[in-house]
């Protein structure tokens, strides 16, 4: 019975070690270099009603180190859910990454002051009200032409913490601990990040301008108005990411070698820490095995002594006990191996699902971009046609205006001619009047007619003279 008890204790120690190892893996990434300080940037305006702000954070790549995931406005998976940001925390000699999640309440995010409502505790950028999200414009930036359900609460500004740029929890960073309501939120219902959020982080990991080894804590894209939308720098100006990446490619070889050396040093340190952790685990397992072996040897010696005294009955009992212990040990090992295999298969399946969601999000983003380009081309073509039609209408109007001007000019010329004709008629009439007046004023002089020579009548014969009678 003592042998079975010690074997059971050994199995419990082994399971406890495995449970601790799995608890450390659940954190995510664990490295030995602290993340850079948080950059100070301008928040873009919320483009769509109902979107919530996901603050930017530093993520880690095994090859190139830390890279900045821009802050972005995202759509929640369901109404009424709040976003708990991701954060880094120092524990057991390494910095562990805790991925964000959606929940009914805002949980613990390391006390990090991400700004714009995430002051280190809770969220002051807005609240859900009757299925709609109301925005606190005292701390967040919204597009007033699209979003009208707003309010102003400046108490969250006065209650915010002062360590704005600290990026991790632990010694040398923020020393906050979870409050009771944050612990309750951590134990409550959690919804994993949406495919758009995962694709957003994946896109940042493929952009060299986002890596701290290149931008030295000043990323080219500090924030975005939405996933696959416009990128903004720390001053709130639109950033051309193609130019930023092209500028990185033109860096001198010395800087590139320095970046490569930093990345190699980071990978070497991570490998060293992983090797130390593995050595510690092996030492723990070896010590546990040695303890169990010593106990087994002691028990075996005592059992041998008792078997020598008790004879065949004791030997039979020992043989049965050894067989049962062997069967129990084999069953426990098989169960542990099956459990480990199941965990690995679940992790593999989760990674495959994440990759599949990321691919689907990329395909959707590509389709959306194609649709936007097609729609933009159609709109451009329609605008060109409208512009051409307007130009034709303008030409027609100009021609009509020119014709009207010609008609008006002809009418004016005709009117001028009529006026000239009227003036001439008036002048002629005036002249006639003047001539008539001159005739009236001058006396009439009858022309002397030449005397007409009357024909001389023919001589008449003299009448006979009468005699006078005296």
Protein backbone atom coordinates (compact mmCIF):
# COMPACT_ATOMS: atom_id res chain seq x y z
CA UNK A 1 0.00 0.00 0.00
CA UNK A 2 2.86 2.38 0.73
CA UNK A 3 4.25 1.71 -2.74
CA UNK A 4 0.94 2.63 -4.34
CA UNK A 5 0.72 5.78 -2.23
CA UNK A 6 4.21 6.92 -3.26
CA UNK A 7 3.52 6.19 -6.90
CA UNK A 8 0.34 8.25 -6.60
CA UNK A 9 2.30 11.12 -5.02
CA UNK A 10 4.83 10.97 -7.87
CA UNK A 11 2.04 11.13 -10.46
CA UNK A 12 0.46 14.10 -8.66
CA UNK A 13 3.81 15.96 -8.69
CA UNK A 14 4.19 15.25 -12.40
CA UNK A 15 0.66 16.46 -13.20
CA UNK A 16 1.26 19.60 -11.12
CA UNK A 17 4.42 20.36 -13.09
CA UNK A 18 2.57 19.85 -16.37
CA UNK A 19 -0.27 22.10 -15.21
CA UNK A 20 2.21 24.87 -14.33
CA UNK A 21 3.85 24.56 -17.74
CA UNK A 22 0.49 24.78 -19.53
CA UNK A 23 -0.46 27.82 -17.41
CA UNK A 24 2.69 29.60 -18.57
CA UNK A 25 1.98 28.76 -22.23
CA UNK A 26 -1.56 30.20 -21.99
CA UNK A 27 -0.10 33.69 -21.50
CA UNK A 28 1.15 33.70 -25.08
CA UNK A 29 4.58 35.18 -25.84
CA UNK A 30 7.15 35.33 -23.03
CA UNK A 31 10.43 37.16 -23.65
CA UNK A 32 13.19 38.82 -21.65
CA UNK A 33 13.22 42.32 -23.17
CA UNK A 34 10.74 45.00 -22.05
CA UNK A 35 8.51 46.53 -24.74
CA UNK A 36 9.24 50.14 -25.85
CA UNK A 37 7.36 53.10 -24.49
CA UNK A 38 3.90 53.84 -25.88
CA UNK A 39 3.99 56.49 -28.63
CA UNK A 40 1.82 59.57 -28.15
CA UNK A 41 -0.48 59.97 -31.17
CA UNK A 42 -3.64 61.75 -32.31
CA UNK A 43 -6.81 59.67 -32.42
CA UNK A 44 -8.63 59.71 -35.80
CA UNK A 45 -12.35 60.42 -35.83
CA UNK A 46 -14.74 57.48 -35.47
CA UNK A 47 -16.04 56.83 -39.02
CA UNK A 48 -19.08 54.62 -38.28
CA UNK A 49 -21.72 54.75 -35.56
CA UNK A 50 -21.33 51.78 -33.18
CA UNK A 51 -17.56 51.28 -33.63
CA UNK A 52 -15.37 51.04 -30.48
CA UNK A 53 -11.79 52.17 -30.05
CA UNK A 54 -9.04 49.53 -29.83
CA UNK A 55 -5.89 51.28 -28.56
CA UNK A 56 -2.55 50.56 -30.20
CA UNK A 57 -0.11 48.15 -28.54
CA UNK A 58 3.30 46.54 -29.01
CA UNK A 59 3.27 42.96 -30.32
CA UNK A 60 6.29 40.67 -30.76
CA UNK A 61 7.79 38.79 -33.70
CA UNK A 62 10.36 36.02 -33.10
CA UNK A 63 12.59 37.25 -35.94
CA UNK A 64 12.40 41.06 -35.87
CA UNK A 65 11.25 41.87 -32.33
CA UNK A 66 8.58 44.34 -31.25
CA UNK A 67 6.22 45.94 -33.78
CA UNK A 68 3.43 48.47 -33.27
CA UNK A 69 -0.18 47.50 -33.95
CA UNK A 70 -1.97 50.80 -34.74
CA UNK A 71 -4.94 51.93 -32.71
CA UNK A 72 -8.10 51.47 -34.76
CA UNK A 73 -11.89 51.82 -34.63
CA UNK A 74 -13.44 48.32 -34.87
CA UNK A 75 -16.94 46.84 -34.88
CA UNK A 76 -17.80 44.73 -31.80
CA UNK A 77 -18.98 41.15 -32.44
CA UNK A 78 -22.25 41.86 -30.59
CA UNK A 79 -23.93 44.99 -29.16
CA UNK A 80 -23.32 45.51 -25.46
CA UNK A 81 -19.74 44.18 -25.45
CA UNK A 82 -16.69 46.17 -24.32
CA UNK A 83 -13.07 45.69 -25.40
CA UNK A 84 -10.38 44.86 -22.83
CA UNK A 85 -7.00 45.88 -24.38
CA UNK A 86 -3.95 43.65 -24.66
CA UNK A 87 -1.02 44.31 -22.31
CA UNK A 88 2.44 43.11 -21.24
CA UNK A 89 3.26 42.00 -17.67
CA UNK A 90 6.56 41.01 -16.04
CA UNK A 91 6.39 37.71 -14.16
CA UNK A 92 8.89 34.94 -13.32
CA UNK A 93 11.79 36.78 -14.97
CA UNK A 94 10.10 37.38 -18.34
CA UNK A 95 7.59 39.69 -20.01
CA UNK A 96 4.37 37.88 -20.93
CA UNK A 97 1.81 39.07 -23.46
CA UNK A 98 -1.89 38.97 -22.50
CA UNK A 99 -4.23 39.13 -25.50
CA UNK A 100 -7.30 41.38 -25.33
CA UNK A 101 -10.87 40.13 -25.44
CA UNK A 102 -14.52 41.24 -25.63
CA UNK A 103 -16.76 40.99 -22.58
CA UNK A 104 -19.77 42.39 -20.77
CA UNK A 105 -17.43 44.53 -18.66
CA UNK A 106 -13.91 45.89 -19.13
CA UNK A 107 -11.43 43.61 -17.37
CA UNK A 108 -7.87 44.13 -16.14
CA UNK A 109 -5.39 45.41 -18.71
CA UNK A 110 -2.36 45.92 -16.49
CA UNK A 111 -3.23 49.45 -15.41
CA UNK A 112 -1.69 50.74 -18.66
CA UNK A 113 -2.78 54.24 -19.64
CA UNK A 114 -3.47 53.86 -23.36
CA UNK A 115 -5.41 57.14 -23.47
CA UNK A 116 -8.69 58.04 -25.20
CA UNK A 117 -10.85 56.47 -22.47
CA UNK A 118 -8.46 53.67 -21.41
CA UNK A 119 -6.80 55.46 -18.47
CA UNK A 120 -5.62 52.27 -16.75
CA UNK A 121 -8.90 51.23 -15.17
CA UNK A 122 -12.19 50.63 -17.00
CA UNK A 123 -13.24 52.62 -20.05
CA UNK A 124 -14.41 56.25 -20.02
CA UNK A 125 -14.85 56.77 -23.76
CA UNK A 126 -18.53 55.86 -23.84
CA UNK A 127 -21.22 53.41 -22.78
CA UNK A 128 -24.00 51.27 -24.22
CA UNK A 129 -27.52 52.68 -23.90
CA UNK A 130 -30.58 50.79 -25.22
CA UNK A 131 -28.57 48.89 -27.82
CA UNK A 132 -26.68 51.98 -29.07
CA UNK A 133 -23.23 53.16 -28.07
CA UNK A 134 -22.97 56.73 -26.77
CA UNK A 135 -19.60 58.45 -27.15
CA UNK A 136 -17.96 60.68 -24.54
CA UNK A 137 -16.56 63.45 -26.70
CA UNK A 138 -14.49 64.73 -23.78
CA UNK A 139 -11.95 61.96 -24.43
CA UNK A 140 -12.72 60.47 -27.87
CA UNK A 141 -12.86 61.94 -31.37
CA UNK A 142 -15.95 61.27 -33.50
CA UNK A 143 -17.29 62.45 -36.85
CA UNK A 144 -20.18 64.73 -35.86
CA UNK A 145 -21.74 64.52 -39.34
CA UNK A 146 -22.22 60.75 -38.88
CA UNK A 147 -22.54 60.29 -35.10
CA UNK A 148 -25.01 62.27 -33.00
CA UNK A 149 -25.44 60.11 -29.86
CA UNK A 150 -22.74 61.79 -27.73
CA UNK A 151 -22.28 63.24 -24.26
CA UNK A 152 -19.53 65.01 -22.27
CA UNK A 153 -18.05 63.68 -19.00
CA UNK A 154 -14.76 65.32 -17.98
CA UNK A 155 -14.40 63.43 -14.69
CA UNK A 156 -12.60 60.59 -16.50
CA UNK A 157 -9.90 63.11 -17.47
CA UNK A 158 -9.36 64.25 -13.88
CA UNK A 159 -9.33 60.66 -12.62
CA UNK A 160 -6.84 59.38 -15.21
CA UNK A 161 -3.36 58.26 -14.14
CA UNK A 162 -0.24 60.20 -15.09
CA UNK A 163 2.09 57.48 -16.43
CA UNK A 164 1.00 57.87 -20.05
CA UNK A 165 3.87 56.18 -21.90
CA UNK A 166 4.57 53.10 -19.71
CA UNK A 167 3.83 49.99 -21.76
CA UNK A 168 4.00 47.10 -19.27
CA UNK A 169 2.94 46.00 -15.81
CA UNK A 170 5.56 45.03 -13.25
CA UNK A 171 8.81 46.32 -11.74
CA UNK A 172 9.94 49.43 -13.59
CA UNK A 173 6.46 49.87 -15.09
CA UNK A 174 2.91 50.10 -13.77
CA UNK A 175 2.41 48.31 -10.43
CA UNK A 176 -1.39 48.09 -10.56
CA UNK A 177 -3.28 45.01 -9.38
CA UNK A 178 -6.75 43.80 -10.48
CA UNK A 179 -9.69 45.28 -8.61
CA UNK A 180 -12.68 43.14 -7.54
CA UNK A 181 -14.85 44.14 -10.51
CA UNK A 182 -11.93 43.51 -12.88
CA UNK A 183 -11.43 40.05 -11.38
CA UNK A 184 -15.14 39.39 -11.90
CA UNK A 185 -14.84 40.52 -15.51
CA UNK A 186 -11.81 38.25 -15.99
CA UNK A 187 -13.88 35.28 -14.77
CA UNK A 188 -16.92 36.28 -16.85
CA UNK A 189 -17.87 35.58 -20.45
CA UNK A 190 -15.10 36.30 -22.98
CA UNK A 191 -15.37 36.66 -26.75
CA UNK A 192 -12.17 36.30 -28.77
CA UNK A 193 -10.96 39.08 -31.12
CA UNK A 194 -12.81 39.32 -34.42
CA UNK A 195 -11.21 38.25 -37.71
CA UNK A 196 -10.80 41.92 -38.62
CA UNK A 197 -8.76 42.53 -35.45
CA UNK A 198 -6.56 39.49 -36.15
CA UNK A 199 -6.00 40.55 -39.75
CA UNK A 200 -5.17 44.06 -38.50
CA UNK A 201 -2.40 42.68 -36.28
CA UNK A 202 -1.21 40.36 -39.06
CA UNK A 203 -0.96 43.29 -41.48
CA UNK A 204 1.09 45.26 -38.93
CA UNK A 205 3.49 42.30 -38.50
CA UNK A 206 4.20 42.33 -42.25
CA UNK A 207 4.95 46.05 -42.39
CA UNK A 208 8.63 46.74 -41.70
CA UNK A 209 7.92 50.41 -40.93
CA UNK A 210 6.05 49.30 -37.77
CA UNK A 211 9.01 47.52 -36.12
CA UNK A 212 10.74 49.28 -33.21
CA UNK A 213 14.13 48.18 -34.52
CA UNK A 214 13.47 50.41 -37.55
CA UNK A 215 11.28 53.29 -36.31
CA UNK A 216 12.89 53.56 -32.81
CA UNK A 217 9.52 53.91 -31.10
CA UNK A 218 7.93 56.24 -33.68
CA UNK A 219 5.87 54.00 -36.00
CA UNK A 220 4.88 55.24 -39.44
CA UNK A 221 1.24 54.25 -38.82
CA UNK A 222 0.33 55.12 -35.23
CA UNK A 223 -3.43 54.86 -35.73
CA UNK A 224 -6.07 54.06 -38.38
CA UNK A 225 -9.68 55.15 -38.76
CA UNK A 226 -10.74 51.55 -39.47
CA UNK A 227 -9.27 48.19 -40.48
CA UNK A 228 -7.70 48.47 -43.97
CA UNK A 229 -8.54 52.19 -43.90
CA UNK A 230 -6.42 55.35 -43.80
CA UNK A 231 -3.21 55.28 -41.74
CA UNK A 232 -2.18 58.30 -39.64
CA UNK A 233 1.17 59.22 -38.09
CA UNK A 234 1.66 60.48 -34.54
CA UNK A 235 0.68 64.02 -35.60
CA UNK A 236 -2.63 62.87 -37.07
CA UNK A 237 -1.60 63.26 -40.71
CA UNK A 238 -2.33 60.66 -43.38
CA UNK A 239 0.70 58.41 -43.96
CA UNK A 240 1.76 56.89 -47.27
CA UNK A 241 2.88 53.42 -46.16
CA UNK A 242 4.37 52.58 -49.57
CA UNK A 243 6.75 55.54 -49.27
CA UNK A 244 7.59 54.61 -45.67
CA UNK A 245 8.52 51.05 -46.66
CA UNK A 246 10.50 52.31 -49.65
CA UNK A 247 12.43 54.65 -47.34
CA UNK A 248 13.24 51.70 -45.07
CA UNK A 249 14.61 49.74 -48.02
CA UNK A 250 16.92 52.69 -48.80
CA UNK A 251 18.48 52.65 -45.30
CA UNK A 252 22.31 52.42 -45.25
CA UNK A 253 23.79 48.94 -44.75
CA UNK A 254 25.17 49.98 -41.35
CA UNK A 255 21.70 50.61 -39.95
CA UNK A 256 20.38 47.39 -41.48
CA UNK A 257 23.28 45.46 -39.90
CA UNK A 258 22.54 47.11 -36.56
CA UNK A 259 18.89 46.10 -36.83
CA UNK A 260 19.90 42.54 -37.75
CA UNK A 261 22.33 42.37 -34.82
CA UNK A 262 19.60 43.58 -32.44
CA UNK A 263 17.21 40.95 -33.77
CA UNK A 264 19.87 38.23 -33.45
CA UNK A 265 20.65 39.31 -29.88
CA UNK A 266 16.95 39.21 -29.04
CA UNK A 267 16.54 35.72 -30.52
CA UNK A 268 19.68 34.55 -28.69
CA UNK A 269 18.43 35.85 -25.35
CA UNK A 270 15.02 34.28 -25.90
CA UNK A 271 16.66 30.98 -26.80
CA UNK A 272 18.82 31.20 -23.66
CA UNK A 273 15.79 31.83 -21.48
CA UNK A 274 13.91 28.97 -23.14
CA UNK A 275 16.91 26.70 -22.57
CA UNK A 276 17.08 27.76 -18.91
CA UNK A 277 13.38 27.09 -18.46
CA UNK A 278 13.72 23.68 -20.09
CA UNK A 279 16.76 22.87 -17.92
CA UNK A 280 14.83 23.88 -14.79
CA UNK A 281 11.89 21.73 -15.80
CA UNK A 282 14.19 18.76 -16.51
CA UNK A 283 15.91 19.25 -13.15
CA UNK A 284 12.53 19.35 -11.41
CA UNK A 285 11.41 16.21 -13.17
CA UNK A 286 14.77 14.49 -12.39
CA UNK A 287 14.53 15.44 -8.72
CA UNK A 288 10.95 14.19 -8.55
CA UNK A 289 11.97 10.95 -10.26
CA UNK A 290 14.95 10.54 -7.91
CA UNK A 291 12.73 11.08 -4.88
CA UNK A 292 10.24 8.59 -6.18
CA UNK A 293 13.03 6.13 -7.00
CA UNK A 294 14.51 6.45 -3.50
CA UNK A 295 11.12 5.91 -1.97
CA UNK A 296 10.52 2.97 -4.25
CA UNK A 297 13.89 1.43 -3.35
CA UNK A 298 13.24 1.84 0.36
CA UNK A 299 9.80 0.38 0.04
CA UNK A 300 11.15 -2.42 -2.11
CA UNK A 301 13.78 -3.30 0.53
CA UNK A 302 11.16 -3.32 3.28
CA UNK A 303 8.86 -5.39 1.12
CA UNK A 304 11.71 -7.82 0.39
CA UNK A 305 12.37 -8.19 4.12
CA UNK A 306 8.71 -8.78 4.88
CA UNK A 307 8.49 -11.20 1.95
CA UNK A 308 11.43 -13.18 3.27
CA UNK A 309 9.66 -13.47 6.62
CA UNK A 310 6.19 -14.19 5.32
CA UNK A 311 7.19 -16.55 2.53
CA UNK A 312 5.24 -17.26 -0.61
CA UNK A 313 2.17 -15.28 0.46
CA UNK A 314 4.17 -12.07 0.78
CA UNK A 315 5.86 -12.68 -2.59
CA UNK A 316 2.50 -13.18 -4.24
CA UNK A 317 1.15 -10.02 -2.66
CA UNK A 318 4.24 -8.06 -3.75
CA UNK A 319 3.93 -9.36 -7.29
CA UNK A 320 0.27 -8.37 -7.42
CA UNK A 321 1.06 -4.95 -5.97
CA UNK A 322 3.83 -4.41 -8.52
CA UNK A 323 1.54 -5.41 -11.35
CA UNK A 324 -1.22 -3.09 -10.13
CA UNK A 325 1.29 -0.24 -9.75
CA UNK A 326 2.66 -0.90 -13.21
CA UNK A 327 -0.83 -0.90 -14.64
CA UNK A 328 -1.69 2.30 -12.75
CA UNK A 329 1.54 3.97 -13.93
CA UNK A 330 0.95 2.93 -17.52
CA UNK A 331 -2.63 4.15 -17.37
CA UNK A 332 -1.53 7.50 -15.87
CA UNK A 333 1.20 7.93 -18.48
CA UNK A 334 -1.22 7.06 -21.24
CA UNK A 335 -3.76 9.50 -19.85
CA UNK A 336 -1.14 12.27 -19.57
CA UNK A 337 0.13 11.56 -23.08
CA UNK A 338 -3.41 11.65 -24.43
CA UNK A 339 -4.08 14.89 -22.58
CA UNK A 340 -0.90 16.49 -23.92
CA UNK A 341 -1.69 15.26 -27.43
CA UNK A 342 -5.21 16.65 -27.16
CA UNK A 343 -3.89 20.02 -26.00
CA UNK A 344 -1.42 20.12 -28.87
CA UNK A 345 -4.13 19.20 -31.37
CA UNK A 346 -6.41 21.90 -29.92
CA UNK A 347 -3.62 24.46 -30.15
CA UNK A 348 -2.89 23.40 -33.72
CA UNK A 349 -6.57 23.61 -34.57
CA UNK A 350 -6.84 27.05 -32.99
CA UNK A 351 -3.81 28.26 -34.95
CA UNK A 352 -5.31 26.87 -38.14
CA UNK A 353 -8.59 28.62 -37.37
CA UNK A 354 -6.77 31.89 -36.69
CA UNK A 355 -4.84 31.57 -39.96
CA UNK A 356 -8.03 30.69 -41.81
CA UNK A 357 -9.81 33.69 -40.32
CA UNK A 358 -6.88 35.90 -41.22
CA UNK A 359 -6.93 34.59 -44.80
CA UNK A 360 -10.68 35.09 -44.99
CA UNK A 361 -10.29 38.61 -43.66
CA UNK A 362 -7.57 39.29 -46.24
CA UNK A 363 -9.77 37.92 -49.00
CA UNK A 364 -12.68 40.03 -47.79
CA UNK A 365 -10.44 43.06 -47.60
CA UNK A 366 -9.19 42.36 -51.15
CA UNK A 367 -12.76 41.93 -52.39
CA UNK A 368 -13.81 45.10 -50.63
CA UNK A 369 -10.86 46.93 -52.16
CA UNK A 370 -11.72 45.57 -55.62
CA UNK A 371 -15.33 46.61 -55.17
CA UNK A 372 -14.24 50.01 -54.02
CA UNK A 373 -11.91 50.35 -57.01
CA UNK A 374 -14.64 49.20 -59.40
CA UNK A 375 -17.12 51.57 -57.83
CA UNK A 376 -14.55 54.35 -57.94
CA UNK A 377 -13.85 53.66 -61.60
CA UNK A 378 -17.57 53.64 -62.38
CA UNK A 379 -18.02 56.87 -60.47
CA UNK A 380 -15.02 58.37 -62.27
CA UNK A 381 -16.42 57.31 -65.65
CA UNK A 382 -19.85 58.62 -64.74
CA UNK A 383 -18.32 61.90 -63.59
CA UNK A 384 -16.35 62.10 -66.86
CA UNK A 385 -19.56 61.55 -68.83
CA UNK A 386 -21.35 64.13 -66.76
CA UNK A 387 -18.47 66.54 -67.27
CA UNK A 388 -18.56 65.88 -71.04
CA UNK A 389 -22.31 66.43 -71.10
CA UNK A 390 -21.90 69.61 -69.13
CA UNK A 391 -19.20 70.74 -71.55
CA UNK A 392 -21.51 70.00 -74.50
CA UNK A 393 -24.34 71.86 -72.78
CA UNK A 394 -21.99 74.72 -72.09
CA UNK A 395 -20.96 74.76 -75.78
CA UNK A 396 -24.60 74.71 -76.83
CA UNK A 397 -25.40 77.50 -74.41
CA UNK A 398 -22.42 79.46 -75.69
CA UNK A 399 -23.59 78.92 -79.28
CA UNK A 400 -27.12 80.00 -78.35
CA UNK A 401 -25.74 82.99 -76.53
CA UNK A 402 -23.65 83.85 -79.58
CA UNK A 403 -26.66 83.49 -81.85
CA UNK A 404 -28.71 85.66 -79.53
CA UNK A 405 -25.92 88.20 -79.50
CA UNK A 406 -25.83 88.17 -83.33
CA UNK A 407 -29.61 88.54 -83.52
CA UNK A 408 -29.47 91.35 -80.99
CA UNK A 409 -26.65 92.98 -82.93
CA UNK A 410 -28.65 92.73 -86.16
CA UNK A 411 -31.68 94.18 -84.40
CA UNK A 412 -29.53 97.02 -83.14
CA UNK A 413 -28.16 97.58 -86.64
CA UNK A 414 -31.71 97.54 -88.07
CA UNK A 415 -32.83 99.94 -85.37
CA UNK A 416 -29.85 102.19 -86.12
CA UNK A 417 -30.71 102.12 -89.82
CA UNK A 418 -34.33 102.94 -89.05
CA UNK A 419 -33.19 105.79 -86.85
CA UNK A 420 -30.89 106.99 -89.61
CA UNK A 421 -33.75 106.74 -92.13
CA UNK A 422 -36.01 108.60 -89.74
CA UNK A 423 -33.36 111.25 -89.23
CA UNK A 424 -32.99 111.62 -93.00
CA UNK A 425 -36.76 111.91 -93.39
CA UNK A 426 -36.79 114.54 -90.67
CA UNK A 427 -33.96 116.39 -92.36
CA UNK A 428 -35.79 116.19 -95.69
CA UNK A 429 -38.97 117.44 -94.02
CA UNK A 430 -37.04 120.27 -92.38
CA UNK A 431 -35.54 121.25 -95.69
CA UNK A 432 -38.94 121.23 -97.32
CA UNK A 433 -40.29 123.40 -94.56
CA UNK A 434 -37.37 125.77 -94.93
CA UNK A 435 -37.93 126.01 -98.67
CA UNK A 436 -41.63 126.65 -98.14
CA UNK A 437 -40.89 129.36 -95.59
CA UNK A 438 -38.47 131.01 -97.97
CA UNK A 439 -41.13 131.04 -100.67
CA UNK A 440 -43.65 132.58 -98.32
CA UNK A 441 -41.29 135.31 -97.21
CA UNK A 442 -40.19 136.39 -100.77
CA UNK A 443 -42.73 138.44 -102.92
CA UNK A 444 -43.95 136.90 -105.98
CA UNK A 445 -42.44 138.34 -109.14
CA UNK A 446 -44.51 137.55 -112.11
CA UNK A 447 -42.44 136.96 -115.06
CA UNK A 448 -42.75 139.51 -117.85
CA UNK A 449 -44.35 138.02 -120.73
CA UNK A 450 -43.31 139.07 -124.14
CA UNK A 451 -45.95 141.15 -125.90
CA UNK A 452 -47.87 139.11 -128.22
CA UNK A 453 -48.11 140.52 -131.65
CA UNK A 454 -51.62 140.55 -132.64
CA UNK A 455 -52.25 139.90 -136.20
CA UNK A 456 -52.98 143.11 -138.17
CA UNK A 457 -56.43 142.86 -139.53
CA UNK A 458 -56.86 143.44 -143.15
CA UNK A 459 -57.76 146.94 -144.25
CA UNK A 460 -61.42 147.46 -144.56
CA UNK A 461 -62.70 149.53 -147.32
CA UNK A 462 -63.63 152.97 -146.26
CA UNK A 463 -67.29 153.43 -145.85
CA UNK A 464 -68.80 155.72 -148.20
CA UNK A 465 -68.84 159.18 -146.97
CA UNK A 466 -72.16 160.67 -146.58
CA UNK A 467 -72.79 164.01 -147.60
CA UNK A 468 -73.46 166.50 -145.14
CA UNK A 469 -76.46 168.34 -145.34
CA UNK A 470 -76.22 171.64 -144.16
